Every structure is written in structure tokens, then in C-alpha cells.
């Protein structure tokens, strides 16, 4: 049934999800999703929890092969979004699912801990919690924004062909802008 829900979200977005459509796509009776999940919010909650767990695994895998490089975790985040669009579109819409449910909260916390950990590893030892938080916010904004722009086809076709090269180019440009004082202090 989750696969049916993911197919429906991929086709029409999370707002258009209906339990009847989930049942049709899953090849079960129209009452089966409500019996198993309860309501639409429960389906979306399961998708969000699964998405955060998949994102955590993706970021852990990137860390394992990259010696803790933040850019590689960012690329993994973007690839996750591109490969799991339906999950991604639900995960960051806590208004449509039960974000306080333990499965979601735990999976989201695990993903956050990975991001905080790689930022702490990247910053010089002794960095303050404000610096860590600033690094997390910057890295997350960059990767989430890049992923969202890419998913919404805001890039030219040649950029879509090599995500890794485009991320490296954009990150290098941000560093240059910071060094040039484009953002102030």
C-alpha cells in the first residue's frame, strides 16, 4: 500500500493523495488502506518515517566512503531527493502528517544527528554550538534548496546530467562569494 501511495504522490503530489487511489494502485479493496492505516495522515506519516530512515541510510553510506566530507553528504542528500521524490515531498511537509509520532520523530532525529555530526567534524575543534548550528543551517539550506530547484526543473538540461559536478560548482561559487564578502561580515 505504501508503494501505491508513493506512486500516487509521484504522479499528483501529496495534497492529492486519496486512500481510494492508494487502494486502486495497490490492487486491494478500497477499505484496506483505512483498515491498515486509519486515515490519509497515517499513510503520509508512514511515508515520512520511511523517507527519513532512507535519508539517514543514504547519508551514512556517503560518510562511509568519503572520509566524513560534508560535500559528499550533501550530494547524497540531493541524490536521495531526486531518487525518492515522493518521500522528499512528504518529509518536509509536517503539516500533512503526524510529525510527533515516535517513528517519524526518531527517524528525523537520526538524520539530524548525522548532519550535525558531519558539520562538527568539518569545523575546527572547539567550534561553538552557534557555529555548528550555523554550519548545519547553511549546509541544509544549500542542499535542500539545490534539490528543490532541481526537482522543480529550474536547471537547464545540461546541469541535470551531472548533479555532482553542478553541486561542486555551486559550492565553490558560494565559498568564493563568502570570501569576497558578498554576505557581509
N, C-alpha and C. Protein backbone atom coordinates (compact mmCIF):
# COMPACT_ATOMS: atom_id res chain seq x y z
N UNK A 1 0.82 -1.19 0.00
CA UNK A 1 0.00 0.00 0.00
C UNK A 1 0.86 1.26 0.00
N UNK A 2 2.01 1.20 0.70
CA UNK A 2 2.89 2.37 0.67
C UNK A 2 3.41 2.63 -0.73
N UNK A 3 3.71 1.56 -1.46
CA UNK A 3 4.16 1.75 -2.84
C UNK A 3 3.07 2.42 -3.68
N UNK A 4 1.84 2.02 -3.46
CA UNK A 4 0.72 2.66 -4.16
C UNK A 4 0.61 4.13 -3.79
N UNK A 5 0.80 4.44 -2.52
CA UNK A 5 0.76 5.84 -2.07
C UNK A 5 1.91 6.63 -2.68
N UNK A 6 3.10 6.03 -2.71
CA UNK A 6 4.25 6.72 -3.30
C UNK A 6 4.04 6.97 -4.79
N UNK A 7 3.46 6.00 -5.48
CA UNK A 7 3.15 6.19 -6.91
C UNK A 7 2.15 7.33 -7.10
N UNK A 8 1.15 7.39 -6.25
CA UNK A 8 0.14 8.44 -6.33
C UNK A 8 0.77 9.81 -6.07
N UNK A 9 1.64 9.90 -5.06
CA UNK A 9 2.30 11.16 -4.74
C UNK A 9 3.23 11.57 -5.87
N UNK A 10 3.95 10.61 -6.43
CA UNK A 10 4.84 10.93 -7.55
C UNK A 10 4.06 11.47 -8.74
N UNK A 11 2.86 10.96 -8.94
CA UNK A 11 2.05 11.40 -10.08
C UNK A 11 1.34 12.73 -9.83
N UNK A 12 0.81 12.91 -8.62
CA UNK A 12 -0.08 14.05 -8.38
C UNK A 12 0.28 14.91 -7.18
N UNK A 13 1.32 14.57 -6.44
CA UNK A 13 1.70 15.33 -5.26
C UNK A 13 0.98 14.85 -4.01
N UNK A 14 1.51 15.20 -2.84
CA UNK A 14 0.94 14.69 -1.60
C UNK A 14 -0.45 15.24 -1.29
N UNK A 15 -0.76 16.43 -1.72
CA UNK A 15 -2.07 17.02 -1.42
C UNK A 15 -3.20 16.24 -2.09
N UNK A 16 -2.92 15.64 -3.24
CA UNK A 16 -3.95 14.93 -3.99
C UNK A 16 -4.13 13.48 -3.55
N UNK A 17 -3.33 13.02 -2.62
CA UNK A 17 -3.40 11.62 -2.19
C UNK A 17 -4.78 11.29 -1.62
N UNK A 18 -5.33 10.18 -2.07
CA UNK A 18 -6.59 9.69 -1.51
C UNK A 18 -6.42 8.21 -1.19
N UNK A 19 -7.09 7.75 -0.14
CA UNK A 19 -6.99 6.35 0.23
C UNK A 19 -7.59 5.45 -0.85
N UNK A 20 -8.61 5.94 -1.52
CA UNK A 20 -9.21 5.16 -2.61
C UNK A 20 -8.20 4.94 -3.74
N UNK A 21 -7.44 5.98 -4.08
CA UNK A 21 -6.41 5.85 -5.12
C UNK A 21 -5.29 4.93 -4.66
N UNK A 22 -4.90 5.03 -3.39
CA UNK A 22 -3.88 4.13 -2.85
C UNK A 22 -4.33 2.68 -3.00
N UNK A 23 -5.58 2.41 -2.66
CA UNK A 23 -6.13 1.05 -2.78
C UNK A 23 -6.11 0.58 -4.23
N UNK A 24 -6.53 1.46 -5.13
CA UNK A 24 -6.55 1.10 -6.55
C UNK A 24 -5.15 0.76 -7.05
N UNK A 25 -4.19 1.61 -6.72
CA UNK A 25 -2.81 1.40 -7.16
C UNK A 25 -2.20 0.15 -6.54
N UNK A 26 -2.60 -0.16 -5.31
CA UNK A 26 -2.05 -1.34 -4.62
C UNK A 26 -2.80 -2.62 -5.00
N UNK A 27 -3.92 -2.47 -5.68
CA UNK A 27 -4.69 -3.63 -6.08
C UNK A 27 -5.42 -4.30 -4.93
N UNK A 28 -5.87 -3.49 -3.97
CA UNK A 28 -6.60 -4.03 -2.81
C UNK A 28 -7.96 -3.35 -2.75
N UNK A 29 -8.81 -3.82 -1.85
CA UNK A 29 -10.15 -3.23 -1.72
C UNK A 29 -10.02 -1.79 -1.26
N UNK A 30 -11.04 -0.99 -1.57
CA UNK A 30 -10.99 0.43 -1.21
C UNK A 30 -10.97 0.64 0.31
N UNK A 31 -11.36 -0.35 1.08
CA UNK A 31 -11.37 -0.22 2.54
C UNK A 31 -10.03 -0.62 3.18
N UNK A 32 -9.18 -1.32 2.43
CA UNK A 32 -7.93 -1.84 3.00
C UNK A 32 -7.00 -0.75 3.55
N UNK A 33 -6.75 0.34 2.83
CA UNK A 33 -5.84 1.36 3.40
C UNK A 33 -6.36 1.95 4.71
N UNK A 34 -7.66 2.23 4.79
CA UNK A 34 -8.23 2.79 6.02
C UNK A 34 -8.14 1.77 7.16
N UNK A 35 -8.32 0.51 6.84
CA UNK A 35 -8.22 -0.54 7.86
C UNK A 35 -6.79 -0.65 8.38
N UNK A 36 -5.83 -0.57 7.47
CA UNK A 36 -4.42 -0.74 7.85
C UNK A 36 -3.83 0.53 8.46
N UNK A 37 -4.14 1.68 7.89
CA UNK A 37 -3.52 2.93 8.33
C UNK A 37 -4.43 3.82 9.17
N UNK A 38 -5.69 3.76 8.94
CA UNK A 38 -6.61 4.65 9.65
C UNK A 38 -7.07 5.78 8.76
N UNK A 39 -6.15 6.64 8.37
CA UNK A 39 -6.53 7.77 7.51
C UNK A 39 -5.33 8.21 6.67
N UNK A 40 -5.56 9.22 5.86
CA UNK A 40 -4.53 9.74 4.95
C UNK A 40 -3.31 10.22 5.72
N UNK A 41 -3.51 10.87 6.84
CA UNK A 41 -2.37 11.37 7.63
C UNK A 41 -1.49 10.22 8.11
N UNK A 42 -2.09 9.09 8.44
CA UNK A 42 -1.30 7.93 8.87
C UNK A 42 -0.46 7.37 7.72
N UNK A 43 -1.00 7.37 6.51
CA UNK A 43 -0.24 6.93 5.33
C UNK A 43 0.95 7.87 5.13
N UNK A 44 0.69 9.16 5.18
CA UNK A 44 1.76 10.15 4.99
C UNK A 44 2.78 10.09 6.12
N UNK A 45 2.35 9.76 7.32
CA UNK A 45 3.26 9.60 8.46
C UNK A 45 4.20 8.43 8.21
N UNK A 46 3.67 7.32 7.72
CA UNK A 46 4.50 6.16 7.41
C UNK A 46 5.50 6.49 6.31
N UNK A 47 5.07 7.25 5.33
CA UNK A 47 5.97 7.64 4.24
C UNK A 47 7.07 8.56 4.76
N UNK A 48 6.72 9.51 5.61
CA UNK A 48 7.73 10.41 6.18
C UNK A 48 8.75 9.63 7.00
N UNK A 49 8.29 8.71 7.84
CA UNK A 49 9.20 7.92 8.67
C UNK A 49 10.13 7.09 7.79
N UNK A 50 9.57 6.44 6.77
CA UNK A 50 10.37 5.65 5.85
C UNK A 50 11.37 6.54 5.11
N UNK A 51 10.93 7.72 4.71
CA UNK A 51 11.81 8.66 4.00
C UNK A 51 12.98 9.09 4.85
N UNK A 52 12.73 9.47 6.09
CA UNK A 52 13.84 9.88 6.97
C UNK A 52 14.80 8.73 7.23
N UNK A 53 14.27 7.52 7.37
CA UNK A 53 15.15 6.36 7.56
C UNK A 53 16.01 6.13 6.32
N UNK A 54 15.42 6.25 5.14
CA UNK A 54 16.17 6.10 3.90
C UNK A 54 17.22 7.20 3.75
N UNK A 55 16.85 8.43 4.10
CA UNK A 55 17.79 9.55 4.02
C UNK A 55 18.97 9.31 4.97
N UNK A 56 18.70 8.86 6.17
CA UNK A 56 19.78 8.58 7.12
C UNK A 56 20.72 7.52 6.58
N UNK A 57 20.16 6.46 6.03
CA UNK A 57 20.99 5.39 5.46
C UNK A 57 21.83 5.91 4.30
N UNK A 58 21.23 6.75 3.47
CA UNK A 58 21.95 7.33 2.33
C UNK A 58 23.11 8.20 2.80
N UNK A 59 22.86 9.03 3.81
CA UNK A 59 23.92 9.90 4.32
C UNK A 59 25.01 9.10 5.03
N UNK A 60 24.62 8.07 5.78
CA UNK A 60 25.62 7.19 6.44
C UNK A 60 26.49 6.51 5.40
N UNK A 61 25.88 6.02 4.34
CA UNK A 61 26.65 5.37 3.27
C UNK A 61 27.64 6.35 2.64
N UNK A 62 27.21 7.58 2.43
CA UNK A 62 28.11 8.59 1.86
C UNK A 62 29.27 8.88 2.81
N UNK A 63 28.99 8.95 4.09
CA UNK A 63 30.05 9.17 5.08
C UNK A 63 31.06 8.03 5.09
N UNK A 64 30.57 6.83 4.93
CA UNK A 64 31.44 5.66 5.00
C UNK A 64 32.48 5.62 3.89
N UNK A 65 32.17 6.22 2.76
CA UNK A 65 33.10 6.18 1.62
C UNK A 65 33.79 7.52 1.36
N UNK A 66 33.52 8.53 2.21
CA UNK A 66 34.03 9.86 1.89
C UNK A 66 34.96 10.45 2.94
N UNK A 67 35.32 9.71 3.92
CA UNK A 67 36.15 10.25 5.00
C UNK A 67 35.50 11.44 5.67
N UNK A 68 34.19 11.46 5.77
CA UNK A 68 33.48 12.49 6.51
C UNK A 68 33.35 13.82 5.80
N UNK A 69 33.43 13.84 4.49
CA UNK A 69 33.34 15.11 3.75
C UNK A 69 31.89 15.59 3.66
N UNK A 70 31.69 16.82 4.08
CA UNK A 70 30.36 17.42 4.07
C UNK A 70 29.79 17.48 2.65
N UNK A 71 30.58 17.79 1.67
CA UNK A 71 30.09 17.89 0.29
C UNK A 71 29.52 16.56 -0.19
N UNK A 72 30.13 15.46 0.21
CA UNK A 72 29.63 14.15 -0.21
C UNK A 72 28.31 13.81 0.46
N UNK A 73 28.14 14.22 1.70
CA UNK A 73 26.86 14.03 2.38
C UNK A 73 25.79 14.90 1.72
N UNK A 74 26.17 16.12 1.33
CA UNK A 74 25.24 16.99 0.63
C UNK A 74 24.81 16.41 -0.71
N UNK A 75 25.75 15.87 -1.44
CA UNK A 75 25.42 15.24 -2.73
C UNK A 75 24.50 14.04 -2.50
N UNK A 76 24.77 13.27 -1.46
CA UNK A 76 23.91 12.13 -1.14
C UNK A 76 22.48 12.60 -0.82
N UNK A 77 22.38 13.70 -0.09
CA UNK A 77 21.07 14.27 0.24
C UNK A 77 20.33 14.65 -1.05
N UNK A 78 21.03 15.30 -1.95
CA UNK A 78 20.40 15.72 -3.21
C UNK A 78 20.01 14.51 -4.05
N UNK A 79 20.88 13.54 -4.14
CA UNK A 79 20.54 12.31 -4.89
C UNK A 79 19.33 11.61 -4.28
N UNK A 80 19.28 11.58 -2.93
CA UNK A 80 18.11 10.99 -2.26
C UNK A 80 16.84 11.70 -2.74
N UNK A 81 16.86 13.03 -2.72
CA UNK A 81 15.68 13.79 -3.12
C UNK A 81 15.28 13.48 -4.56
N UNK A 82 16.27 13.38 -5.45
CA UNK A 82 15.98 13.11 -6.86
C UNK A 82 15.48 11.69 -7.08
N UNK A 83 15.98 10.75 -6.29
CA UNK A 83 15.61 9.34 -6.47
C UNK A 83 14.37 8.95 -5.67
N UNK A 84 14.03 9.72 -4.65
CA UNK A 84 12.89 9.41 -3.78
C UNK A 84 12.00 10.66 -3.64
N UNK A 85 11.61 11.17 -4.77
CA UNK A 85 10.87 12.44 -4.79
C UNK A 85 9.61 12.40 -3.93
N UNK A 86 8.85 11.34 -4.00
CA UNK A 86 7.60 11.28 -3.24
C UNK A 86 7.88 11.34 -1.74
N UNK A 87 8.88 10.60 -1.28
CA UNK A 87 9.25 10.68 0.14
C UNK A 87 9.64 12.12 0.48
N UNK A 88 10.52 12.68 -0.33
CA UNK A 88 11.05 14.02 -0.08
C UNK A 88 9.93 15.05 0.00
N UNK A 89 8.95 14.96 -0.88
CA UNK A 89 7.85 15.92 -0.88
C UNK A 89 6.98 15.81 0.35
N UNK A 90 6.93 14.66 0.96
CA UNK A 90 6.15 14.48 2.18
C UNK A 90 6.95 14.86 3.42
N UNK A 91 8.20 14.44 3.48
CA UNK A 91 9.02 14.61 4.68
C UNK A 91 9.07 16.04 5.20
N UNK A 92 9.12 16.98 4.33
CA UNK A 92 9.29 18.37 4.73
C UNK A 92 7.98 19.15 4.72
N UNK A 93 6.90 18.41 4.88
CA UNK A 93 5.56 18.99 5.00
C UNK A 93 4.89 18.44 6.27
N UNK A 94 5.43 18.77 7.45
CA UNK A 94 4.87 18.21 8.68
C UNK A 94 3.42 18.61 8.94
N UNK A 95 2.90 19.54 8.18
CA UNK A 95 1.50 19.92 8.31
C UNK A 95 0.55 18.88 7.75
N UNK A 96 1.06 17.91 6.98
CA UNK A 96 0.18 16.91 6.37
C UNK A 96 0.31 15.53 6.99
N UNK A 97 1.20 15.37 7.96
CA UNK A 97 1.33 14.08 8.65
C UNK A 97 1.51 14.32 10.14
N UNK A 98 1.58 13.24 10.89
CA UNK A 98 1.71 13.32 12.35
C UNK A 98 3.18 13.34 12.74
N UNK A 99 3.77 14.52 12.72
CA UNK A 99 5.21 14.66 12.93
C UNK A 99 5.65 14.29 14.34
N UNK A 100 4.72 14.30 15.29
CA UNK A 100 5.07 13.96 16.66
C UNK A 100 5.12 12.44 16.90
N UNK A 101 4.65 11.67 15.95
CA UNK A 101 4.65 10.21 16.11
C UNK A 101 6.09 9.72 16.25
N UNK A 102 6.32 8.79 17.15
CA UNK A 102 7.67 8.35 17.50
C UNK A 102 8.49 7.88 16.30
N UNK A 103 7.89 7.14 15.39
CA UNK A 103 8.65 6.62 14.25
C UNK A 103 9.22 7.76 13.41
N UNK A 104 8.43 8.80 13.21
CA UNK A 104 8.90 9.95 12.42
C UNK A 104 9.91 10.75 13.22
N UNK A 105 9.58 11.06 14.45
CA UNK A 105 10.47 11.87 15.28
C UNK A 105 11.84 11.20 15.44
N UNK A 106 11.85 9.90 15.67
CA UNK A 106 13.12 9.17 15.83
C UNK A 106 13.92 9.17 14.53
N UNK A 107 13.26 8.91 13.41
CA UNK A 107 13.96 8.86 12.12
C UNK A 107 14.47 10.25 11.74
N UNK A 108 13.69 11.27 12.00
CA UNK A 108 14.11 12.65 11.71
C UNK A 108 15.30 13.03 12.59
N UNK A 109 15.25 12.63 13.86
CA UNK A 109 16.35 12.92 14.78
C UNK A 109 17.64 12.24 14.33
N UNK A 110 17.53 11.01 13.86
CA UNK A 110 18.72 10.29 13.38
C UNK A 110 19.35 11.02 12.19
N UNK A 111 18.53 11.49 11.26
CA UNK A 111 19.05 12.24 10.11
C UNK A 111 19.71 13.53 10.59
N UNK A 112 19.08 14.21 11.53
CA UNK A 112 19.66 15.46 12.06
C UNK A 112 21.00 15.20 12.75
N UNK A 113 21.09 14.12 13.50
CA UNK A 113 22.34 13.80 14.20
C UNK A 113 23.48 13.54 13.22
N UNK A 114 23.17 12.92 12.10
CA UNK A 114 24.20 12.69 11.08
C UNK A 114 24.68 14.03 10.54
N UNK A 115 23.76 14.92 10.21
CA UNK A 115 24.14 16.23 9.68
C UNK A 115 24.92 17.04 10.71
N UNK A 116 24.44 17.08 11.94
CA UNK A 116 25.18 17.80 12.99
C UNK A 116 26.57 17.20 13.18
N UNK A 117 26.66 15.88 13.14
CA UNK A 117 27.94 15.21 13.32
C UNK A 117 28.94 15.55 12.23
N UNK A 118 28.51 15.56 10.99
CA UNK A 118 29.45 15.85 9.90
C UNK A 118 29.85 17.33 9.91
N UNK A 119 28.96 18.20 10.32
CA UNK A 119 29.32 19.62 10.43
C UNK A 119 30.33 19.80 11.57
N UNK A 120 30.10 19.15 12.71
CA UNK A 120 31.07 19.23 13.83
C UNK A 120 32.44 18.72 13.39
N UNK A 121 32.44 17.64 12.64
CA UNK A 121 33.69 17.05 12.15
C UNK A 121 34.40 18.01 11.19
N UNK A 122 33.62 18.74 10.40
CA UNK A 122 34.18 19.64 9.39
C UNK A 122 34.75 20.92 10.00
N UNK A 123 34.09 21.44 11.01
CA UNK A 123 34.54 22.68 11.64
C UNK A 123 35.80 22.43 12.48
N UNK A 124 36.56 23.49 12.73
CA UNK A 124 37.74 23.33 13.59
C UNK A 124 37.32 22.88 14.99
N UNK A 125 38.19 22.13 15.66
CA UNK A 125 37.86 21.68 17.01
C UNK A 125 37.63 22.90 17.90
N UNK A 126 36.72 22.76 18.82
CA UNK A 126 36.39 23.87 19.71
C UNK A 126 35.34 24.81 19.15
N UNK A 127 34.76 24.48 18.00
CA UNK A 127 33.70 25.34 17.43
C UNK A 127 32.53 25.39 18.42
N UNK A 128 31.94 26.55 18.54
CA UNK A 128 30.80 26.73 19.45
C UNK A 128 29.55 26.07 18.86
N UNK A 129 28.57 25.86 19.72
CA UNK A 129 27.30 25.29 19.24
C UNK A 129 26.62 26.25 18.27
N UNK A 130 26.82 27.56 18.44
CA UNK A 130 26.27 28.52 17.48
C UNK A 130 26.92 28.34 16.11
N UNK A 131 28.22 28.07 16.09
CA UNK A 131 28.91 27.85 14.82
C UNK A 131 28.44 26.53 14.19
N UNK A 132 28.25 25.52 15.01
CA UNK A 132 27.75 24.24 14.49
C UNK A 132 26.35 24.45 13.90
N UNK A 133 25.49 25.12 14.66
CA UNK A 133 24.13 25.36 14.17
C UNK A 133 24.16 26.17 12.88
N UNK A 134 25.00 27.19 12.81
CA UNK A 134 25.13 27.98 11.59
C UNK A 134 25.59 27.13 10.42
N UNK A 135 26.54 26.23 10.68
CA UNK A 135 27.02 25.32 9.63
C UNK A 135 25.94 24.37 9.16
N UNK A 136 25.17 23.84 10.11
CA UNK A 136 24.06 22.94 9.76
C UNK A 136 23.03 23.69 8.92
N UNK A 137 22.68 24.87 9.36
CA UNK A 137 21.69 25.66 8.63
C UNK A 137 22.18 26.00 7.22
N UNK A 138 23.44 26.37 7.09
CA UNK A 138 24.00 26.69 5.77
C UNK A 138 24.02 25.46 4.87
N UNK A 139 24.53 24.34 5.39
CA UNK A 139 24.63 23.12 4.59
C UNK A 139 23.26 22.61 4.19
N UNK A 140 22.34 22.60 5.14
CA UNK A 140 20.99 22.09 4.87
C UNK A 140 20.27 23.01 3.88
N UNK A 141 20.40 24.31 4.06
CA UNK A 141 19.76 25.24 3.13
C UNK A 141 20.29 25.06 1.71
N UNK A 142 21.60 24.91 1.60
CA UNK A 142 22.22 24.73 0.29
C UNK A 142 21.71 23.46 -0.38
N UNK A 143 21.80 22.33 0.34
CA UNK A 143 21.43 21.05 -0.28
C UNK A 143 19.93 20.95 -0.52
N UNK A 144 19.14 21.39 0.44
CA UNK A 144 17.70 21.31 0.27
C UNK A 144 17.24 22.24 -0.86
N UNK A 145 17.81 23.42 -0.90
CA UNK A 145 17.47 24.35 -1.97
C UNK A 145 17.88 23.82 -3.34
N UNK A 146 19.08 23.26 -3.41
CA UNK A 146 19.56 22.69 -4.67
C UNK A 146 18.62 21.56 -5.12
N UNK A 147 18.28 20.68 -4.17
CA UNK A 147 17.41 19.55 -4.50
C UNK A 147 16.04 20.04 -4.98
N UNK A 148 15.48 20.99 -4.26
CA UNK A 148 14.16 21.50 -4.61
C UNK A 148 14.17 22.19 -5.98
N UNK A 149 15.18 23.00 -6.22
CA UNK A 149 15.29 23.65 -7.53
C UNK A 149 15.43 22.62 -8.64
N UNK A 150 16.22 21.60 -8.39
CA UNK A 150 16.42 20.57 -9.39
C UNK A 150 15.13 19.77 -9.65
N UNK A 151 14.43 19.41 -8.57
CA UNK A 151 13.18 18.66 -8.72
C UNK A 151 12.12 19.46 -9.48
N UNK A 152 12.15 20.75 -9.32
CA UNK A 152 11.17 21.59 -9.97
C UNK A 152 11.65 22.12 -11.32
N UNK A 153 12.65 21.45 -11.86
CA UNK A 153 13.21 21.72 -13.20
C UNK A 153 13.59 23.17 -13.41
N UNK A 154 14.26 23.74 -12.43
CA UNK A 154 14.75 25.10 -12.57
C UNK A 154 16.15 25.17 -13.15
N UNK A 155 16.73 24.03 -13.47
CA UNK A 155 18.07 23.99 -14.05
C UNK A 155 17.96 23.62 -15.52
N UNK A 156 18.95 24.04 -16.27
CA UNK A 156 18.99 23.67 -17.68
C UNK A 156 19.31 22.18 -17.81
N UNK A 157 18.93 21.55 -18.92
CA UNK A 157 19.15 20.10 -19.07
C UNK A 157 20.60 19.67 -18.84
N UNK A 158 21.58 20.46 -19.29
CA UNK A 158 22.97 20.03 -19.11
C UNK A 158 23.35 19.96 -17.63
N UNK A 159 22.74 20.76 -16.77
CA UNK A 159 23.01 20.70 -15.33
C UNK A 159 22.42 19.43 -14.73
N UNK A 160 21.29 19.00 -15.24
CA UNK A 160 20.63 17.82 -14.69
C UNK A 160 21.42 16.55 -14.95
N UNK A 161 22.28 16.56 -15.96
CA UNK A 161 23.01 15.35 -16.33
C UNK A 161 24.11 15.00 -15.35
N UNK A 162 24.71 15.99 -14.69
CA UNK A 162 25.80 15.71 -13.77
C UNK A 162 25.59 16.48 -12.48
N UNK A 163 24.80 15.91 -11.61
CA UNK A 163 24.45 16.56 -10.35
C UNK A 163 25.69 16.84 -9.52
N UNK A 164 26.59 15.88 -9.45
CA UNK A 164 27.78 16.05 -8.62
C UNK A 164 28.61 17.25 -9.09
N UNK A 165 28.84 17.38 -10.39
CA UNK A 165 29.61 18.50 -10.91
C UNK A 165 28.90 19.82 -10.64
N UNK A 166 27.58 19.85 -10.80
CA UNK A 166 26.83 21.08 -10.54
C UNK A 166 26.89 21.47 -9.07
N UNK A 167 26.82 20.48 -8.17
CA UNK A 167 26.92 20.77 -6.73
C UNK A 167 28.30 21.33 -6.41
N UNK A 168 29.34 20.69 -6.92
CA UNK A 168 30.70 21.19 -6.67
C UNK A 168 30.87 22.62 -7.19
N UNK A 169 30.36 22.89 -8.39
CA UNK A 169 30.47 24.22 -8.96
C UNK A 169 29.72 25.24 -8.10
N UNK A 170 28.51 24.90 -7.68
CA UNK A 170 27.72 25.82 -6.86
C UNK A 170 28.37 26.04 -5.50
N UNK A 171 28.87 24.98 -4.87
CA UNK A 171 29.52 25.12 -3.56
C UNK A 171 30.77 25.98 -3.67
N UNK A 172 31.54 25.76 -4.71
CA UNK A 172 32.74 26.57 -4.93
C UNK A 172 32.36 28.03 -5.11
N UNK A 173 31.29 28.29 -5.83
CA UNK A 173 30.83 29.66 -6.03
C UNK A 173 30.39 30.30 -4.72
N UNK A 174 29.72 29.55 -3.86
CA UNK A 174 29.32 30.09 -2.56
C UNK A 174 30.55 30.45 -1.74
N UNK A 175 31.54 29.56 -1.72
CA UNK A 175 32.77 29.84 -0.98
C UNK A 175 33.44 31.11 -1.50
N UNK A 176 33.49 31.25 -2.81
CA UNK A 176 34.08 32.46 -3.41
C UNK A 176 33.31 33.72 -3.02
N UNK A 177 32.00 33.61 -3.01
CA UNK A 177 31.16 34.75 -2.64
C UNK A 177 31.40 35.13 -1.17
N UNK A 178 31.49 34.13 -0.31
CA UNK A 178 31.77 34.40 1.11
C UNK A 178 33.13 35.06 1.26
N UNK A 179 34.14 34.51 0.58
CA UNK A 179 35.49 35.07 0.66
C UNK A 179 35.53 36.50 0.14
N UNK A 180 34.69 36.82 -0.82
CA UNK A 180 34.66 38.16 -1.40
C UNK A 180 33.84 39.13 -0.54
N UNK A 181 33.24 38.61 0.53
CA UNK A 181 32.47 39.48 1.42
C UNK A 181 31.06 39.76 0.94
N UNK A 182 30.55 38.94 0.05
CA UNK A 182 29.23 39.17 -0.53
C UNK A 182 28.09 39.08 0.50
N UNK A 183 28.34 38.39 1.60
CA UNK A 183 27.29 38.20 2.60
C UNK A 183 27.54 39.03 3.86
N UNK A 184 28.43 39.97 3.79
CA UNK A 184 28.72 40.79 4.97
C UNK A 184 29.87 40.22 5.76
N UNK A 185 29.87 40.43 7.03
CA UNK A 185 30.95 40.07 7.97
C UNK A 185 31.85 39.05 7.36
